[in-house]
N, C-alpha and C. Protein backbone atom coordinates (compact mmCIF):
# COMPACT_ATOMS: atom_id res chain seq x y z
N MET A 1 -95.58 -64.63 -5.68
CA MET A 1 -94.68 -65.36 -6.57
C MET A 1 -95.46 -65.79 -7.81
N ILE A 2 -94.81 -65.76 -8.91
CA ILE A 2 -95.43 -66.13 -10.18
C ILE A 2 -95.68 -67.64 -10.24
N GLU A 3 -96.78 -68.02 -10.83
CA GLU A 3 -97.08 -69.43 -11.09
C GLU A 3 -97.18 -69.61 -12.60
N PHE A 4 -96.31 -70.45 -13.12
CA PHE A 4 -96.28 -70.67 -14.56
C PHE A 4 -97.37 -71.64 -15.00
N HIS A 5 -97.80 -71.47 -16.22
CA HIS A 5 -98.73 -72.41 -16.84
C HIS A 5 -98.30 -72.58 -18.29
N LEU A 6 -98.55 -73.75 -18.84
CA LEU A 6 -98.17 -74.02 -20.22
C LEU A 6 -99.41 -74.32 -21.04
N ASP A 7 -99.38 -73.84 -22.28
CA ASP A 7 -100.46 -74.11 -23.22
C ASP A 7 -99.88 -74.97 -24.34
N SER A 8 -100.18 -76.26 -24.30
CA SER A 8 -99.63 -77.19 -25.29
C SER A 8 -100.16 -76.92 -26.69
N ARG A 9 -101.26 -76.17 -26.80
CA ARG A 9 -101.86 -75.88 -28.13
C ARG A 9 -101.31 -74.60 -28.75
N SER A 10 -100.49 -73.85 -28.01
CA SER A 10 -100.05 -72.55 -28.49
C SER A 10 -99.04 -72.61 -29.63
N GLY A 11 -98.31 -73.71 -29.73
CA GLY A 11 -97.26 -73.79 -30.74
C GLY A 11 -95.98 -73.09 -30.30
N VAL A 12 -95.97 -72.56 -29.08
CA VAL A 12 -94.79 -71.87 -28.54
C VAL A 12 -94.05 -72.85 -27.64
N ALA A 13 -92.74 -72.93 -27.81
CA ALA A 13 -91.93 -73.84 -27.00
C ALA A 13 -92.14 -73.56 -25.51
N PRO A 14 -92.17 -74.60 -24.68
CA PRO A 14 -92.40 -74.41 -23.25
C PRO A 14 -91.43 -73.41 -22.59
N TYR A 15 -90.15 -73.47 -22.95
CA TYR A 15 -89.21 -72.54 -22.32
C TYR A 15 -89.55 -71.10 -22.69
N LEU A 16 -90.02 -70.87 -23.93
CA LEU A 16 -90.39 -69.52 -24.34
C LEU A 16 -91.67 -69.05 -23.64
N GLN A 17 -92.57 -69.98 -23.34
CA GLN A 17 -93.77 -69.61 -22.59
C GLN A 17 -93.38 -69.12 -21.20
N VAL A 18 -92.41 -69.78 -20.58
CA VAL A 18 -91.93 -69.36 -19.26
C VAL A 18 -91.30 -67.97 -19.37
N VAL A 19 -90.44 -67.78 -20.36
CA VAL A 19 -89.80 -66.47 -20.57
C VAL A 19 -90.85 -65.39 -20.78
N GLN A 20 -91.84 -65.66 -21.64
CA GLN A 20 -92.88 -64.67 -21.92
C GLN A 20 -93.69 -64.34 -20.67
N GLN A 21 -93.97 -65.33 -19.84
CA GLN A 21 -94.74 -65.09 -18.63
C GLN A 21 -93.96 -64.24 -17.63
N VAL A 22 -92.65 -64.47 -17.53
CA VAL A 22 -91.84 -63.64 -16.64
C VAL A 22 -91.78 -62.22 -17.19
N ARG A 23 -91.54 -62.07 -18.47
CA ARG A 23 -91.47 -60.73 -19.07
C ARG A 23 -92.80 -59.98 -18.89
N GLN A 24 -93.90 -60.69 -19.07
CA GLN A 24 -95.22 -60.05 -18.87
C GLN A 24 -95.38 -59.62 -17.42
N ALA A 25 -95.01 -60.47 -16.48
CA ALA A 25 -95.12 -60.12 -15.05
C ALA A 25 -94.23 -58.94 -14.71
N LEU A 26 -93.07 -58.85 -15.33
CA LEU A 26 -92.18 -57.70 -15.10
C LEU A 26 -92.77 -56.43 -15.70
N ARG A 27 -93.40 -56.56 -16.84
CA ARG A 27 -94.00 -55.40 -17.51
C ARG A 27 -95.22 -54.90 -16.74
N LEU A 28 -96.00 -55.81 -16.17
CA LEU A 28 -97.22 -55.43 -15.46
C LEU A 28 -96.97 -55.09 -14.00
N GLY A 29 -95.74 -55.26 -13.54
CA GLY A 29 -95.44 -54.94 -12.15
C GLY A 29 -95.82 -56.04 -11.18
N THR A 30 -96.14 -57.22 -11.69
CA THR A 30 -96.47 -58.35 -10.84
C THR A 30 -95.22 -58.92 -10.19
N LEU A 31 -94.12 -58.86 -10.91
CA LEU A 31 -92.81 -59.22 -10.37
C LEU A 31 -91.99 -57.95 -10.27
N LEU A 32 -91.32 -57.80 -9.14
CA LEU A 32 -90.53 -56.60 -8.88
C LEU A 32 -89.08 -56.98 -8.59
N GLU A 33 -88.21 -56.00 -8.65
CA GLU A 33 -86.81 -56.25 -8.31
C GLU A 33 -86.72 -56.86 -6.93
N GLY A 34 -85.91 -57.90 -6.82
CA GLY A 34 -85.73 -58.59 -5.55
C GLY A 34 -86.62 -59.81 -5.38
N ASP A 35 -87.69 -59.91 -6.18
CA ASP A 35 -88.57 -61.07 -6.09
C ASP A 35 -87.84 -62.32 -6.58
N GLN A 36 -88.17 -63.44 -5.96
CA GLN A 36 -87.56 -64.71 -6.35
C GLN A 36 -88.49 -65.47 -7.29
N LEU A 37 -87.92 -66.02 -8.34
CA LEU A 37 -88.67 -66.90 -9.23
C LEU A 37 -88.80 -68.26 -8.55
N PRO A 38 -89.82 -69.02 -8.93
CA PRO A 38 -89.93 -70.38 -8.37
C PRO A 38 -88.67 -71.17 -8.68
N THR A 39 -88.30 -72.08 -7.79
CA THR A 39 -87.13 -72.90 -8.05
C THR A 39 -87.40 -73.82 -9.24
N VAL A 40 -86.34 -74.24 -9.88
CA VAL A 40 -86.47 -75.16 -11.01
C VAL A 40 -87.23 -76.40 -10.55
N LYS A 41 -86.88 -76.89 -9.38
CA LYS A 41 -87.53 -78.09 -8.83
C LYS A 41 -89.04 -77.88 -8.69
N ASP A 42 -89.45 -76.71 -8.20
CA ASP A 42 -90.88 -76.42 -8.03
C ASP A 42 -91.60 -76.34 -9.37
N VAL A 43 -90.97 -75.69 -10.35
CA VAL A 43 -91.59 -75.56 -11.67
C VAL A 43 -91.72 -76.93 -12.33
N VAL A 44 -90.68 -77.74 -12.21
CA VAL A 44 -90.71 -79.09 -12.79
C VAL A 44 -91.83 -79.91 -12.17
N ALA A 45 -91.97 -79.82 -10.85
CA ALA A 45 -93.02 -80.58 -10.15
C ALA A 45 -94.41 -80.09 -10.54
N ARG A 46 -94.57 -78.79 -10.66
CA ARG A 46 -95.89 -78.23 -10.97
C ARG A 46 -96.31 -78.46 -12.41
N LEU A 47 -95.36 -78.34 -13.34
CA LEU A 47 -95.70 -78.41 -14.77
C LEU A 47 -95.36 -79.74 -15.42
N ALA A 48 -94.66 -80.60 -14.69
CA ALA A 48 -94.24 -81.90 -15.23
C ALA A 48 -93.46 -81.71 -16.54
N ILE A 49 -92.42 -80.87 -16.48
CA ILE A 49 -91.56 -80.65 -17.64
C ILE A 49 -90.12 -80.95 -17.25
N ASN A 50 -89.27 -81.03 -18.25
CA ASN A 50 -87.87 -81.33 -18.05
C ASN A 50 -87.17 -80.15 -17.37
N PRO A 51 -86.33 -80.43 -16.38
CA PRO A 51 -85.59 -79.34 -15.70
C PRO A 51 -84.78 -78.48 -16.67
N ASN A 52 -84.27 -79.09 -17.75
CA ASN A 52 -83.48 -78.32 -18.72
C ASN A 52 -84.33 -77.25 -19.41
N THR A 53 -85.63 -77.49 -19.53
CA THR A 53 -86.53 -76.51 -20.12
C THR A 53 -86.59 -75.26 -19.25
N VAL A 54 -86.72 -75.47 -17.96
CA VAL A 54 -86.78 -74.35 -17.02
C VAL A 54 -85.43 -73.65 -16.96
N LEU A 55 -84.36 -74.43 -16.91
CA LEU A 55 -83.02 -73.84 -16.88
C LEU A 55 -82.76 -72.99 -18.12
N LYS A 56 -83.21 -73.46 -19.27
CA LYS A 56 -83.04 -72.71 -20.52
C LYS A 56 -83.78 -71.38 -20.45
N ALA A 57 -85.00 -71.39 -19.92
CA ALA A 57 -85.78 -70.16 -19.78
C ALA A 57 -85.08 -69.19 -18.83
N TYR A 58 -84.65 -69.70 -17.69
CA TYR A 58 -84.00 -68.85 -16.70
C TYR A 58 -82.68 -68.29 -17.24
N LYS A 59 -81.94 -69.10 -18.01
CA LYS A 59 -80.69 -68.62 -18.61
C LYS A 59 -80.96 -67.51 -19.61
N GLU A 60 -82.04 -67.64 -20.40
CA GLU A 60 -82.38 -66.59 -21.36
C GLU A 60 -82.74 -65.30 -20.63
N LEU A 61 -83.49 -65.41 -19.55
CA LEU A 61 -83.85 -64.23 -18.75
C LEU A 61 -82.62 -63.61 -18.11
N GLU A 62 -81.69 -64.46 -17.70
CA GLU A 62 -80.44 -63.97 -17.12
C GLU A 62 -79.61 -63.26 -18.17
N HIS A 63 -79.54 -63.85 -19.35
CA HIS A 63 -78.79 -63.24 -20.46
C HIS A 63 -79.38 -61.87 -20.84
N ALA A 64 -80.69 -61.72 -20.69
CA ALA A 64 -81.36 -60.45 -20.98
C ALA A 64 -81.17 -59.43 -19.85
N GLY A 65 -80.53 -59.85 -18.77
CA GLY A 65 -80.28 -58.93 -17.67
C GLY A 65 -81.48 -58.69 -16.77
N LEU A 66 -82.43 -59.62 -16.80
CA LEU A 66 -83.65 -59.44 -16.01
C LEU A 66 -83.61 -60.17 -14.68
N VAL A 67 -82.88 -61.28 -14.64
CA VAL A 67 -82.77 -62.06 -13.41
C VAL A 67 -81.32 -62.44 -13.19
N ALA A 68 -81.02 -62.85 -11.95
CA ALA A 68 -79.68 -63.34 -11.63
C ALA A 68 -79.83 -64.57 -10.76
N ALA A 69 -79.05 -65.58 -11.10
CA ALA A 69 -79.06 -66.81 -10.31
C ALA A 69 -78.07 -66.66 -9.17
N ARG A 70 -78.50 -67.09 -8.00
CA ARG A 70 -77.62 -67.13 -6.82
C ARG A 70 -77.52 -68.61 -6.44
N PRO A 71 -76.39 -69.23 -6.80
CA PRO A 71 -76.25 -70.67 -6.58
C PRO A 71 -76.61 -71.09 -5.15
N GLY A 72 -77.45 -72.10 -5.08
CA GLY A 72 -77.88 -72.63 -3.80
C GLY A 72 -79.00 -71.85 -3.14
N ILE A 73 -79.33 -70.68 -3.71
CA ILE A 73 -80.37 -69.83 -3.11
C ILE A 73 -81.58 -69.73 -4.02
N GLY A 74 -81.35 -69.41 -5.30
CA GLY A 74 -82.45 -69.27 -6.24
C GLY A 74 -82.16 -68.25 -7.31
N THR A 75 -83.18 -67.92 -8.06
CA THR A 75 -83.09 -66.94 -9.15
C THR A 75 -83.95 -65.74 -8.79
N PHE A 76 -83.36 -64.55 -8.88
CA PHE A 76 -84.02 -63.34 -8.41
C PHE A 76 -84.10 -62.29 -9.51
N VAL A 77 -85.19 -61.52 -9.48
CA VAL A 77 -85.38 -60.42 -10.42
C VAL A 77 -84.41 -59.31 -10.07
N ILE A 78 -83.69 -58.85 -11.09
CA ILE A 78 -82.77 -57.73 -10.86
C ILE A 78 -83.15 -56.48 -11.66
N ARG A 79 -84.12 -56.63 -12.57
CA ARG A 79 -84.57 -55.47 -13.35
C ARG A 79 -86.01 -55.71 -13.77
N THR A 80 -86.79 -54.67 -13.73
CA THR A 80 -88.19 -54.76 -14.12
C THR A 80 -88.39 -54.14 -15.50
N LEU A 81 -89.53 -54.39 -16.09
CA LEU A 81 -89.84 -53.81 -17.39
C LEU A 81 -90.99 -52.81 -17.31
N SER A 82 -91.52 -52.59 -16.10
CA SER A 82 -92.62 -51.64 -15.95
C SER A 82 -92.06 -50.23 -16.00
N ASP A 83 -92.93 -49.29 -16.34
CA ASP A 83 -92.52 -47.90 -16.42
C ASP A 83 -93.63 -47.01 -15.88
N ALA A 84 -93.56 -45.75 -16.18
CA ALA A 84 -94.54 -44.79 -15.67
C ALA A 84 -95.95 -45.10 -16.14
N SER A 85 -96.09 -45.84 -17.25
CA SER A 85 -97.42 -46.15 -17.76
C SER A 85 -98.16 -47.16 -16.89
N LEU A 86 -97.48 -47.73 -15.91
CA LEU A 86 -98.10 -48.72 -15.04
C LEU A 86 -99.35 -48.18 -14.35
N SER A 87 -99.38 -46.89 -14.04
CA SER A 87 -100.55 -46.30 -13.37
C SER A 87 -101.77 -46.28 -14.28
N ALA A 88 -101.56 -46.36 -15.58
CA ALA A 88 -102.69 -46.37 -16.53
C ALA A 88 -103.31 -47.76 -16.67
N HIS A 89 -102.65 -48.77 -16.14
CA HIS A 89 -103.12 -50.14 -16.32
C HIS A 89 -104.49 -50.39 -15.70
N GLY A 90 -104.75 -49.84 -14.52
CA GLY A 90 -106.02 -50.09 -13.84
C GLY A 90 -107.23 -49.68 -14.67
N PRO A 91 -107.31 -48.42 -15.08
CA PRO A 91 -108.44 -48.00 -15.90
C PRO A 91 -108.53 -48.74 -17.24
N LEU A 92 -107.39 -48.99 -17.86
CA LEU A 92 -107.40 -49.72 -19.13
C LEU A 92 -107.88 -51.16 -18.93
N ARG A 93 -107.47 -51.76 -17.81
CA ARG A 93 -107.91 -53.12 -17.51
C ARG A 93 -109.43 -53.16 -17.35
N GLN A 94 -109.99 -52.14 -16.69
CA GLN A 94 -111.44 -52.09 -16.52
C GLN A 94 -112.15 -51.94 -17.86
N ASP A 95 -111.61 -51.09 -18.73
CA ASP A 95 -112.18 -50.94 -20.08
C ASP A 95 -112.13 -52.27 -20.84
N LEU A 96 -111.01 -52.96 -20.71
CA LEU A 96 -110.85 -54.24 -21.40
C LEU A 96 -111.81 -55.29 -20.85
N LYS A 97 -112.01 -55.29 -19.53
CA LYS A 97 -112.97 -56.22 -18.93
C LYS A 97 -114.38 -55.96 -19.47
N ARG A 98 -114.75 -54.70 -19.60
CA ARG A 98 -116.06 -54.36 -20.15
C ARG A 98 -116.17 -54.83 -21.61
N TRP A 99 -115.11 -54.61 -22.38
CA TRP A 99 -115.11 -55.05 -23.77
C TRP A 99 -115.24 -56.57 -23.86
N LEU A 100 -114.50 -57.29 -23.01
CA LEU A 100 -114.58 -58.75 -23.01
C LEU A 100 -115.99 -59.22 -22.65
N ALA A 101 -116.61 -58.57 -21.70
CA ALA A 101 -117.98 -58.93 -21.32
C ALA A 101 -118.91 -58.73 -22.51
N LYS A 102 -118.74 -57.62 -23.26
CA LYS A 102 -119.57 -57.37 -24.45
C LYS A 102 -119.33 -58.45 -25.51
N ALA A 103 -118.06 -58.82 -25.69
CA ALA A 103 -117.73 -59.83 -26.69
C ALA A 103 -118.37 -61.17 -26.33
N ARG A 104 -118.32 -61.53 -25.07
CA ARG A 104 -118.94 -62.79 -24.63
C ARG A 104 -120.45 -62.73 -24.78
N LYS A 105 -121.02 -61.58 -24.45
CA LYS A 105 -122.48 -61.41 -24.58
C LYS A 105 -122.91 -61.52 -26.04
N ALA A 106 -122.00 -61.11 -26.94
CA ALA A 106 -122.28 -61.20 -28.37
C ALA A 106 -122.09 -62.63 -28.89
N GLY A 107 -121.66 -63.54 -28.02
CA GLY A 107 -121.54 -64.94 -28.39
C GLY A 107 -120.16 -65.38 -28.84
N LEU A 108 -119.15 -64.54 -28.71
CA LEU A 108 -117.81 -64.93 -29.14
C LEU A 108 -117.18 -65.87 -28.11
N ASP A 109 -116.51 -66.91 -28.61
CA ASP A 109 -115.76 -67.80 -27.72
C ASP A 109 -114.34 -67.26 -27.57
N ASP A 110 -113.54 -67.94 -26.75
CA ASP A 110 -112.18 -67.46 -26.46
C ASP A 110 -111.34 -67.29 -27.72
N GLU A 111 -111.40 -68.27 -28.61
CA GLU A 111 -110.58 -68.18 -29.83
C GLU A 111 -111.03 -67.03 -30.72
N SER A 112 -112.33 -66.80 -30.80
CA SER A 112 -112.85 -65.69 -31.62
C SER A 112 -112.45 -64.35 -31.01
N ILE A 113 -112.53 -64.25 -29.70
CA ILE A 113 -112.13 -63.02 -29.02
C ILE A 113 -110.65 -62.74 -29.26
N GLU A 114 -109.83 -63.76 -29.11
CA GLU A 114 -108.40 -63.59 -29.32
C GLU A 114 -108.10 -63.21 -30.76
N ALA A 115 -108.78 -63.85 -31.71
CA ALA A 115 -108.56 -63.55 -33.13
C ALA A 115 -108.96 -62.10 -33.44
N LEU A 116 -110.10 -61.67 -32.92
CA LEU A 116 -110.57 -60.31 -33.14
C LEU A 116 -109.61 -59.29 -32.53
N PHE A 117 -109.18 -59.57 -31.31
CA PHE A 117 -108.24 -58.66 -30.64
C PHE A 117 -106.93 -58.57 -31.41
N ARG A 118 -106.37 -59.75 -31.76
CA ARG A 118 -105.09 -59.77 -32.46
C ARG A 118 -105.18 -59.07 -33.82
N ASP A 119 -106.24 -59.32 -34.56
CA ASP A 119 -106.43 -58.69 -35.87
C ASP A 119 -106.54 -57.17 -35.72
N THR A 120 -107.32 -56.73 -34.75
CA THR A 120 -107.49 -55.30 -34.52
C THR A 120 -106.19 -54.66 -34.05
N PHE A 121 -105.50 -55.34 -33.14
CA PHE A 121 -104.22 -54.85 -32.63
C PHE A 121 -103.23 -54.68 -33.77
N LEU A 122 -103.13 -55.69 -34.62
CA LEU A 122 -102.18 -55.61 -35.73
C LEU A 122 -102.56 -54.53 -36.74
N SER A 123 -103.86 -54.40 -37.01
CA SER A 123 -104.26 -53.38 -37.99
C SER A 123 -104.01 -51.98 -37.45
N VAL A 124 -104.26 -51.78 -36.17
CA VAL A 124 -104.01 -50.46 -35.57
C VAL A 124 -102.50 -50.19 -35.52
N SER A 125 -101.71 -51.22 -35.20
CA SER A 125 -100.26 -51.06 -35.16
C SER A 125 -99.72 -50.69 -36.53
N GLU A 126 -100.25 -51.33 -37.57
CA GLU A 126 -99.78 -51.06 -38.93
C GLU A 126 -100.19 -49.68 -39.39
N GLU A 127 -101.38 -49.24 -38.99
CA GLU A 127 -101.88 -47.93 -39.41
C GLU A 127 -101.27 -46.80 -38.59
N GLY A 128 -100.76 -47.14 -37.42
CA GLY A 128 -100.22 -46.11 -36.54
C GLY A 128 -101.32 -45.29 -35.89
N VAL A 129 -102.53 -45.84 -35.82
CA VAL A 129 -103.66 -45.14 -35.22
C VAL A 129 -103.61 -45.30 -33.72
N ALA A 130 -103.91 -44.24 -33.02
CA ALA A 130 -103.90 -44.30 -31.55
C ALA A 130 -105.29 -44.51 -31.03
């Protein structure tokens, strides 16, 4: 089961962080069709946030056709976002781990690593380079 976490420094609304984490888990195959999301009560207790925040996130996911609420039972995944590329994740993850280790060895902190990755990602996306 997914465990949500919030980053108060991200500038992203808490409900959107929950939505993004579910979408990421669906894309990476961590959440599969039929899996149950944590109950609103559990998320509220774990993250100390307003129940309406969690309900808003779950409603957005439901509106996107990714989850379905079953009153009195819970909220369940009804569609995943992973595809055939999921098999490539393992080797790519290993490459990324090696790159992160090099970045840390070079003295980069988390914010510098993220900035470098984001800048490179955006420049490659804009150039259309593979």
